[in-house]
Structure formats: C-alpha cells, structure tokens
Amino acid sequence: MSTRTTIEWTEQTWNPTVGCSKISPGCAHCYAEVMAKRLQAMRVNGYENGFRLALLPERLEQPLQRKRPTSYFVNSMSDLFHEEIPDSYILQVMAVARQAPQHTFQVLTKRSGRMAEFFSKYRPPRNVWLGVTVENRTHGLSRLDELRQATASVRFISAEPLLEDLREIDMAGIDWVIVGGESGPMARPMKREWVLNLKRLCDEQGVAFFFKQWGTWSADGKRLDKKRNGRLLDGRTWDARPGPASAL
C-alpha cells in the first residue's frame, strides 16, 4: 500500500514492487531488507517471500485514489530499475504518474545504467523526479554521469549512506542533493567534513541541499542512536528542495 513515512524528504511511499538484491557497498546494511523480513514475519500482504523481488500490480492505482498533491517515494522497498522488472511494468508505473499530475513521484535507483537506457527510449512525465544513490566515488560517480543522460524535470542525488568524502564533483544538471548517515547496529560512521564538503559544493554550484540525518553516529563520532543524533548540522536544519514540477 502507499503509506505515510518518516523519511524526511518525502510524504508517502508507494511500492508497486518489493524486494531487491545487493549491488554495491551502499546496500550492505539495507533497511528495506530488514523491514521486509519483519513484515514477512507479521504476514503482511506482499512480503510472503521476504525480500525476494515481487511485482504487485494490485498496488499500481493507489496514487490515483489520492487527490491532494503528494510527494511519493517510488519503491522505497525495492528498485524500479532492478534487472528482473520488465520494461512493460516500468511503463505502467510511468502511466500512473502521468494520470496523477497533482503528485510528485521520486524515483531513486542504484541501477542508473538501466535507467539511462530506459529513458533514452521513453520520456518520463514532468512530475517524475529521477535520482541515484552516490555513497562513494567508485560506485556513485558513474551513476551521476548516467543520471545526467536521462531527461528529467528534476534530477537528484541521495548521498546516503555517505561512506567517504566525495571530494570535488561536478553538480552540472543536478537539482537536489540529500545527505544522510547510516542507521542500525552495523552502521558505518559519516564524518562531518564529508557533509560540509557536499554542502559547499551545493552552495557554489546552486544546488538545493537537504541534510536528512546523522544516523547512528553523531557529528563528533559518538555512537548513540538516530533519534538522539538528530538532523542538526552546524546548529540548524537544512531542508532546501527543488521547485515543484508540472506534469506533461
């Protein structure tokens, strides 16, 4: 189902597919995998197979039932461009977005090569924002280049979990950067200077900067918990967002 979420940069999650598989270091401690196993134990519909990929076409029309303009994180429990999801199904997801121009659909992927290839053939509706995970330079920078190949009204980066200093990167064609540390018992630390470097790059290149969380590790390197560490960077929250997009 589409549900309200505590993810700070969106309003609702919509999961027409669930389940995924790991492809890079950012996947190592996947929150969605942990949650899927919990939901399987609770016998929640859609999670009968835990974190194995499953298409759920009965969920496709959920956003059409909501009239109030809403931001939807598409596939918070999966990856829309997973290799086992057929192009025909992705087109059905895009068709729903086109039928609901009042909403914004935020699509985040680590499979940017397939995303770029897909959108070389199909143009996304203007209310679909496209994003990639950039957790480190080795895996993330190529995704950033492939994101730029896709036509989109808004392109964004999720640097979460941020695992290293990304150093100097070109933000050309990028509208929004979300930064966050990892949570959970196996969380890897995120250093303050890595975050400030991304903040500087955004300021210099005119990109909206959103600081999501410190996660399990605080700014001064103490292991506490997500709630206690909070979202403050240099004493304040940073919640900039790109402007709304109108649908085609």
Protein backbone atom coordinates (compact mmCIF):
# COMPACT_ATOMS: atom_id res chain seq x y z
CA MET A 1 0.00 0.00 0.00
CA SER A 2 1.01 3.65 -0.18
CA THR A 3 1.69 4.87 3.34
CA ARG A 4 2.82 7.90 5.28
CA THR A 5 6.51 7.76 6.05
CA THR A 6 9.07 9.21 8.44
CA ILE A 7 11.51 9.73 5.54
CA GLU A 8 12.11 13.45 5.83
CA TRP A 9 12.38 14.31 2.14
CA THR A 10 9.07 12.81 1.01
CA GLU A 11 5.48 12.40 2.21
CA GLN A 12 4.30 8.94 1.18
CA THR A 13 5.89 5.72 -0.04
CA TRP A 14 4.42 3.75 -2.93
CA ASN A 15 5.70 0.24 -3.59
CA PRO A 16 4.31 -1.35 -6.77
CA THR A 17 7.22 -3.76 -6.38
CA VAL A 18 9.02 -5.02 -3.28
CA GLY A 19 12.31 -6.83 -2.81
CA CYS A 20 15.73 -6.29 -4.28
CA SER A 21 19.33 -7.59 -4.39
CA LYS A 22 22.63 -6.05 -3.33
CA ILE A 23 24.93 -4.46 -5.93
CA SER A 24 27.26 -2.04 -4.07
CA PRO A 25 28.57 -1.07 -0.60
CA GLY A 26 25.58 1.19 -0.01
CA CYS A 27 23.40 -1.94 0.04
CA ALA A 28 25.37 -3.73 2.77
CA HIS A 29 23.01 -2.91 5.65
CA CYS A 30 19.83 -2.33 3.68
CA TYR A 31 16.99 -1.02 5.86
CA ALA A 32 14.41 -2.32 3.36
CA GLU A 33 15.71 -5.89 3.68
CA VAL A 34 15.41 -5.78 7.46
CA MET A 35 11.92 -4.29 7.24
CA ALA A 36 10.79 -6.81 4.61
CA LYS A 37 11.78 -9.73 6.84
CA ARG A 38 9.90 -8.15 9.73
CA LEU A 39 6.80 -7.67 7.58
CA GLN A 40 7.08 -11.27 6.35
CA ALA A 41 7.06 -12.45 9.97
CA MET A 42 3.96 -10.31 10.55
CA ARG A 43 2.34 -11.91 7.45
CA VAL A 44 1.79 -8.57 5.72
CA ASN A 45 0.48 -8.90 2.16
CA GLY A 46 3.21 -8.53 -0.46
CA TYR A 47 6.00 -9.82 1.76
CA GLU A 48 5.25 -13.53 1.64
CA ASN A 49 8.71 -14.11 0.11
CA GLY A 50 10.56 -11.68 2.34
CA PHE A 51 12.99 -9.57 0.33
CA ARG A 52 12.77 -11.55 -2.91
CA LEU A 53 11.63 -9.35 -5.78
CA ALA A 54 7.88 -9.36 -6.37
CA LEU A 55 5.68 -7.32 -8.72
CA LEU A 56 2.47 -6.11 -7.08
CA PRO A 57 0.21 -4.83 -9.87
CA GLU A 58 -2.71 -4.55 -7.45
CA ARG A 59 -0.90 -1.55 -5.96
CA LEU A 60 -0.44 0.33 -9.22
CA GLU A 61 -3.53 2.51 -8.93
CA GLN A 62 -3.05 3.56 -5.30
CA PRO A 63 -1.83 7.12 -6.06
CA LEU A 64 -4.84 7.68 -8.32
CA GLN A 65 -7.08 7.35 -5.27
CA ARG A 66 -5.49 10.38 -3.58
CA LYS A 67 -6.50 13.85 -4.79
CA ARG A 68 -4.37 16.05 -2.52
CA PRO A 69 -0.97 16.83 -4.12
CA THR A 70 1.54 14.49 -2.52
CA SER A 71 5.22 13.59 -2.90
CA TYR A 72 5.65 9.83 -3.39
CA PHE A 73 8.92 7.96 -2.92
CA VAL A 74 8.51 5.21 -5.52
CA ASN A 75 9.72 1.77 -4.42
CA SER A 76 11.19 2.59 -1.04
CA MET A 77 11.27 -1.20 -0.58
CA SER A 78 12.76 -2.06 -3.96
CA ASP A 79 14.48 -0.57 -7.03
CA LEU A 80 12.28 0.28 -10.01
CA PHE A 81 15.14 -0.48 -12.41
CA HIS A 82 16.02 -3.89 -10.98
CA GLU A 83 17.00 -6.23 -13.81
CA GLU A 84 14.05 -8.55 -13.11
CA ILE A 85 11.41 -5.83 -13.56
CA PRO A 86 10.28 -5.75 -17.20
CA ASP A 87 10.17 -2.51 -19.18
CA SER A 88 6.44 -3.02 -19.65
CA TYR A 89 5.89 -2.82 -15.90
CA ILE A 90 8.01 0.31 -15.54
CA LEU A 91 5.88 1.86 -18.28
CA GLN A 92 2.77 1.07 -16.22
CA VAL A 93 4.32 2.94 -13.27
CA MET A 94 5.06 5.92 -15.54
CA ALA A 95 1.48 5.80 -16.86
CA VAL A 96 0.13 6.12 -13.32
CA ALA A 97 2.36 9.15 -12.73
CA ARG A 98 1.07 10.74 -15.93
CA GLN A 99 -2.52 10.16 -14.80
CA ALA A 100 -1.83 11.87 -11.44
CA PRO A 101 -0.29 15.24 -12.37
CA GLN A 102 -1.10 16.61 -8.91
CA HIS A 103 1.54 14.33 -7.36
CA THR A 104 5.34 14.24 -7.49
CA PHE A 105 6.95 10.82 -7.93
CA GLN A 106 10.53 10.50 -6.67
CA VAL A 107 12.38 7.55 -8.21
CA LEU A 108 15.72 6.61 -6.65
CA THR A 109 17.94 3.88 -8.09
CA LYS A 110 21.39 2.34 -7.88
CA ARG A 111 20.86 0.83 -11.34
CA SER A 112 21.47 4.05 -13.23
CA GLY A 113 22.71 2.36 -16.39
CA ARG A 114 19.37 0.69 -16.95
CA MET A 115 17.54 3.88 -16.02
CA ALA A 116 19.51 5.88 -18.61
CA GLU A 117 18.89 3.22 -21.25
CA PHE A 118 15.17 3.08 -20.45
CA PHE A 119 14.72 6.84 -20.69
CA SER A 120 16.66 7.01 -23.93
CA LYS A 121 13.54 5.36 -25.38
CA TYR A 122 10.76 6.76 -23.18
CA ARG A 123 10.34 10.30 -21.87
CA PRO A 124 9.27 10.47 -18.20
CA PRO A 125 6.35 12.69 -17.17
CA ARG A 126 7.46 16.02 -15.73
CA ASN A 127 6.17 15.07 -12.29
CA VAL A 128 8.67 12.19 -12.11
CA TRP A 129 11.94 13.15 -10.42
CA LEU A 130 14.92 10.87 -11.09
CA GLY A 131 17.66 10.22 -8.56
CA VAL A 132 20.67 7.99 -7.93
CA THR A 133 22.49 6.86 -4.80
CA VAL A 134 26.05 8.20 -4.51
CA GLU A 135 27.53 6.54 -1.44
CA ASN A 136 31.17 6.72 -2.58
CA ARG A 137 33.24 7.76 -5.56
CA THR A 138 33.87 4.28 -7.00
CA HIS A 139 30.21 3.36 -7.44
CA GLY A 140 28.48 6.70 -7.24
CA LEU A 141 30.24 8.91 -9.77
CA SER A 142 29.38 6.70 -12.74
CA ARG A 143 25.73 6.75 -11.58
CA LEU A 144 25.86 10.53 -11.51
CA ASP A 145 27.06 10.61 -15.11
CA GLU A 146 24.31 8.20 -16.17
CA LEU A 147 21.68 10.24 -14.33
CA ARG A 148 22.65 13.25 -16.42
CA GLN A 149 21.88 11.23 -19.57
CA ALA A 150 18.21 10.89 -18.56
CA THR A 151 15.76 13.66 -19.38
CA ALA A 152 14.02 14.73 -16.18
CA SER A 153 12.46 17.89 -14.79
CA VAL A 154 14.37 17.27 -11.53
CA ARG A 155 17.49 15.15 -11.04
CA PHE A 156 18.68 14.40 -7.52
CA ILE A 157 21.41 12.61 -5.57
CA SER A 158 20.93 10.62 -2.39
CA ALA A 159 24.31 10.52 -0.65
CA GLU A 160 23.01 8.09 1.97
CA PRO A 161 24.68 6.27 3.46
CA LEU A 162 27.60 8.64 2.77
CA LEU A 163 30.63 6.37 3.18
CA GLU A 164 33.52 8.66 2.24
CA ASP A 165 34.49 12.17 1.18
CA LEU A 166 33.26 12.62 -2.39
CA ARG A 167 35.86 15.39 -2.88
CA GLU A 168 35.37 17.67 -5.89
CA ILE A 169 32.43 16.57 -8.05
CA ASP A 170 30.62 18.31 -10.86
CA MET A 171 26.97 19.01 -9.99
CA ALA A 172 26.02 20.12 -13.51
CA GLY A 173 22.46 19.03 -14.32
CA ILE A 174 21.71 18.15 -10.67
CA ASP A 175 18.93 19.98 -8.82
CA TRP A 176 18.96 18.46 -5.35
CA VAL A 177 21.36 16.66 -3.00
CA ILE A 178 20.15 14.65 0.02
CA VAL A 179 22.82 13.66 2.56
CA GLY A 180 22.48 11.19 5.40
CA GLY A 181 24.39 8.84 7.68
CA GLU A 182 23.65 5.16 8.18
CA SER A 183 21.46 3.82 11.00
CA GLY A 184 21.28 0.48 12.77
CA PRO A 185 23.59 -1.80 14.77
CA MET A 186 26.08 -2.24 11.89
CA ALA A 187 26.10 1.43 10.85
CA ARG A 188 29.28 2.89 9.39
CA PRO A 189 30.29 6.39 10.57
CA MET A 190 29.85 9.54 8.48
CA LYS A 191 32.29 12.38 9.13
CA ARG A 192 31.22 16.00 9.49
CA GLU A 193 33.79 17.20 6.97
CA TRP A 194 32.31 14.93 4.28
CA VAL A 195 28.91 16.54 4.79
CA LEU A 196 30.30 20.08 4.84
CA ASN A 197 32.17 19.42 1.60
CA LEU A 198 28.91 18.46 -0.14
CA LYS A 199 27.21 21.50 1.38
CA ARG A 200 29.98 23.71 -0.03
CA LEU A 201 29.69 22.16 -3.49
CA CYS A 202 25.92 22.70 -3.47
CA ASP A 203 26.31 26.33 -2.40
CA GLU A 204 28.94 27.01 -5.05
CA GLN A 205 27.01 25.30 -7.85
CA GLY A 206 23.48 26.43 -6.99
CA VAL A 207 22.08 23.03 -5.93
CA ALA A 208 19.42 22.58 -3.22
CA PHE A 209 20.94 20.87 -0.14
CA PHE A 210 18.92 18.65 2.23
CA PHE A 211 20.53 17.16 5.34
CA LYS A 212 18.47 14.12 6.31
CA GLN A 213 20.19 12.72 9.41
CA TRP A 214 23.40 11.82 11.21
CA GLY A 215 22.20 8.27 11.76
CA THR A 216 23.75 6.07 14.44
CA TRP A 217 26.98 8.10 14.66
CA SER A 218 26.96 11.72 15.83
CA ALA A 219 28.88 14.62 14.27
CA ASP A 220 31.62 14.23 16.89
CA GLY A 221 31.99 10.49 16.31
CA LYS A 222 29.93 9.17 19.21
CA ARG A 223 27.78 6.09 18.70
CA LEU A 224 24.33 6.98 20.01
CA ASP A 225 21.12 6.46 18.01
CA LYS A 226 19.31 8.09 15.11
CA LYS A 227 16.80 9.99 17.24
CA ARG A 228 19.35 11.41 19.70
CA ASN A 229 21.79 12.40 16.96
CA GLY A 230 19.05 14.19 15.04
CA ARG A 231 19.35 16.33 11.92
CA LEU A 232 21.21 19.45 13.01
CA LEU A 233 24.26 20.49 11.02
CA ASP A 234 26.09 23.48 12.50
CA GLY A 235 23.16 24.14 14.79
CA ARG A 236 20.32 24.14 12.27
CA THR A 237 18.36 22.00 9.82
CA TRP A 238 18.93 22.21 6.06
CA ASP A 239 15.73 21.37 4.18
CA ALA A 240 16.10 23.02 0.77
CA ARG A 241 14.13 21.37 -2.04
CA PRO A 242 13.84 21.95 -5.78
CA GLY A 243 10.71 23.68 -7.05
CA PRO A 244 7.56 21.73 -7.98
CA ALA A 245 7.28 20.24 -11.45
CA SER A 246 4.12 20.31 -13.53
CA ALA A 247 3.18 17.14 -15.38
CA LEU A 248 3.06 16.72 -19.14
